[in-house]
Amino acid sequence: MQKDILEGFQKMTQLTLENFRKLGETNLRIGEKLLQEQIELANSMLESATDKAGSVSDAKDLKDVASKQAEWMQECSQKVMESSRSCADIIAEAGKVYTNLFETGMKAASNAAPASKSKKAA
């Protein structure tokens, strides 16, 4: 009986460690995707600012400068919105992965527990 309990505990420990490993890998992938998205946004903003800085220096008057700044802000807003949507997609994907990990872990845990109970009954 003690052997059955120890085997059940060992299986649960292995399942727990495996799920923590999968969770860590998932977190790493999600973090990499989010970081990449932020890097792309920063680079895009920098390129846009550089392009607009050149055009502002060619401006004829203050009204022209204000117009170019408004264009740049509109461009930046669009890029931030696109990045936000991409990040939301990444987070939604993460939620699905976490749900799958949780459900898989629960099924595995429920399958491991009855196996030790059925040995007790026998």
Protein backbone atom coordinates (compact mmCIF):
# COMPACT_ATOMS: atom_id res chain seq x y z
CA MET A 1 0.00 0.00 0.00
CA GLN A 2 2.81 2.41 0.84
CA LYS A 3 4.47 1.49 -2.44
CA ASP A 4 1.28 2.45 -4.32
CA ILE A 5 1.12 5.77 -2.50
CA LEU A 6 4.77 6.50 -3.28
CA GLU A 7 4.31 5.56 -6.94
CA GLY A 8 1.27 7.84 -7.18
CA PHE A 9 3.19 10.65 -5.51
CA GLN A 10 6.12 10.11 -7.85
CA LYS A 11 3.84 10.27 -10.91
CA MET A 12 2.21 13.46 -9.63
CA THR A 13 5.64 14.99 -8.99
CA GLN A 14 6.81 14.11 -12.50
CA LEU A 15 3.64 15.56 -14.02
CA THR A 16 4.04 18.74 -11.97
CA LEU A 17 7.67 19.18 -13.00
CA GLU A 18 6.82 18.54 -16.65
CA ASN A 19 4.01 21.09 -16.54
CA PHE A 20 6.30 23.68 -14.92
CA ARG A 21 8.83 23.06 -17.67
CA LYS A 22 6.16 23.53 -20.34
CA LEU A 23 4.91 26.65 -18.59
CA GLY A 24 8.43 28.08 -18.48
CA GLU A 25 8.97 27.37 -22.18
CA THR A 26 5.62 28.97 -23.02
CA ASN A 27 6.44 32.06 -20.95
CA LEU A 28 9.80 32.34 -22.69
CA ARG A 29 8.23 32.14 -26.17
CA ILE A 30 5.56 34.68 -25.29
CA GLY A 31 8.13 37.01 -23.77
CA GLU A 32 10.28 36.74 -26.88
CA LYS A 33 7.32 37.54 -29.14
CA LEU A 34 6.28 40.54 -27.06
CA LEU A 35 9.84 41.83 -26.87
CA GLN A 36 10.24 41.45 -30.63
CA GLU A 37 7.03 43.39 -31.17
CA GLN A 38 8.28 46.20 -28.94
CA ILE A 39 11.64 46.30 -30.71
CA GLU A 40 9.90 46.53 -34.08
CA LEU A 41 7.67 49.33 -32.80
CA ALA A 42 10.64 51.28 -31.40
CA ASN A 43 12.58 50.89 -34.65
CA SER A 44 9.57 51.95 -36.68
CA MET A 45 9.05 55.03 -34.52
CA LEU A 46 12.71 55.95 -34.77
CA GLU A 47 12.69 55.62 -38.55
CA SER A 48 9.54 57.68 -38.76
CA ALA A 49 10.96 60.39 -36.49
CA THR A 50 14.14 60.52 -38.57
CA ASP A 51 12.18 60.87 -41.80
CA LYS A 52 9.93 63.58 -40.38
CA ALA A 53 12.86 65.48 -38.83
CA GLY A 54 14.31 65.98 -42.30
CA SER A 55 11.02 67.21 -43.68
CA VAL A 56 10.52 69.59 -40.74
CA SER A 57 13.86 71.21 -41.45
CA ASP A 58 12.57 71.99 -44.95
CA ALA A 59 9.42 73.64 -43.57
CA LYS A 60 8.70 77.16 -44.70
CA ASP A 61 6.81 78.43 -41.66
CA LEU A 62 5.41 77.41 -38.28
CA LYS A 63 2.13 76.28 -39.83
CA ASP A 64 4.03 73.88 -42.08
CA VAL A 65 5.98 72.51 -39.07
CA ALA A 66 2.73 71.97 -37.15
CA SER A 67 1.25 70.17 -40.14
CA LYS A 68 4.23 67.85 -40.43
CA GLN A 69 4.13 67.13 -36.69
CA ALA A 70 0.44 66.29 -36.93
CA GLU A 71 1.19 63.88 -39.80
CA TRP A 72 3.93 62.27 -37.75
CA MET A 73 1.69 61.90 -34.70
CA GLN A 74 -1.00 60.31 -36.85
CA GLU A 75 1.56 57.88 -38.27
CA CYS A 76 2.85 57.09 -34.77
CA SER A 77 -0.67 56.53 -33.48
CA GLN A 78 -1.37 54.10 -36.29
CA LYS A 79 1.85 52.18 -35.58
CA VAL A 80 1.08 51.99 -31.86
CA MET A 81 -2.43 50.74 -32.63
CA GLU A 82 -1.10 48.03 -34.96
CA SER A 83 1.44 47.00 -32.34
CA SER A 84 -1.27 46.89 -29.67
CA ARG A 85 -3.37 44.60 -31.84
CA SER A 86 -0.41 42.34 -32.44
CA CYS A 87 0.33 42.21 -28.70
CA ALA A 88 -3.33 41.43 -27.99
CA ASP A 89 -3.13 38.53 -30.47
CA ILE A 90 0.00 37.24 -28.72
CA ILE A 91 -1.72 37.45 -25.33
CA ALA A 92 -4.83 35.70 -26.68
CA GLU A 93 -2.61 32.93 -28.07
CA ALA A 94 -0.93 32.66 -24.67
CA GLY A 95 -4.30 32.29 -22.97
CA LYS A 96 -5.14 29.37 -25.23
CA VAL A 97 -1.79 27.72 -24.52
CA TYR A 98 -2.21 28.20 -20.75
CA THR A 99 -5.73 26.79 -20.87
CA ASN A 100 -4.48 23.78 -22.82
CA LEU A 101 -1.64 23.23 -20.33
CA PHE A 102 -4.05 23.46 -17.42
CA GLU A 103 -6.56 21.06 -18.95
CA THR A 104 -3.84 18.59 -19.91
CA GLY A 105 -2.39 18.76 -16.41
CA MET A 106 -5.78 18.22 -14.80
CA LYS A 107 -6.51 15.21 -17.03
CA ALA A 108 -3.10 13.72 -16.31
CA ALA A 109 -3.50 14.29 -12.58
CA SER A 110 -6.97 12.72 -12.52
CA ASN A 111 -5.67 9.75 -14.50
CA ALA A 112 -2.71 9.28 -12.14
CA ALA A 113 -4.81 9.48 -8.98
CA PRO A 114 -7.34 6.73 -9.85
CA ALA A 115 -4.52 4.40 -10.86
CA SER A 116 -3.21 4.38 -7.30
CA LYS A 117 -6.77 4.08 -5.89
CA SER A 118 -7.58 1.11 -8.13
CA LYS A 119 -4.46 -0.69 -6.89
CA LYS A 120 -5.67 -0.19 -3.30
CA ALA A 121 -9.00 -1.78 -4.15
CA ALA A 122 -7.31 -4.78 -5.72
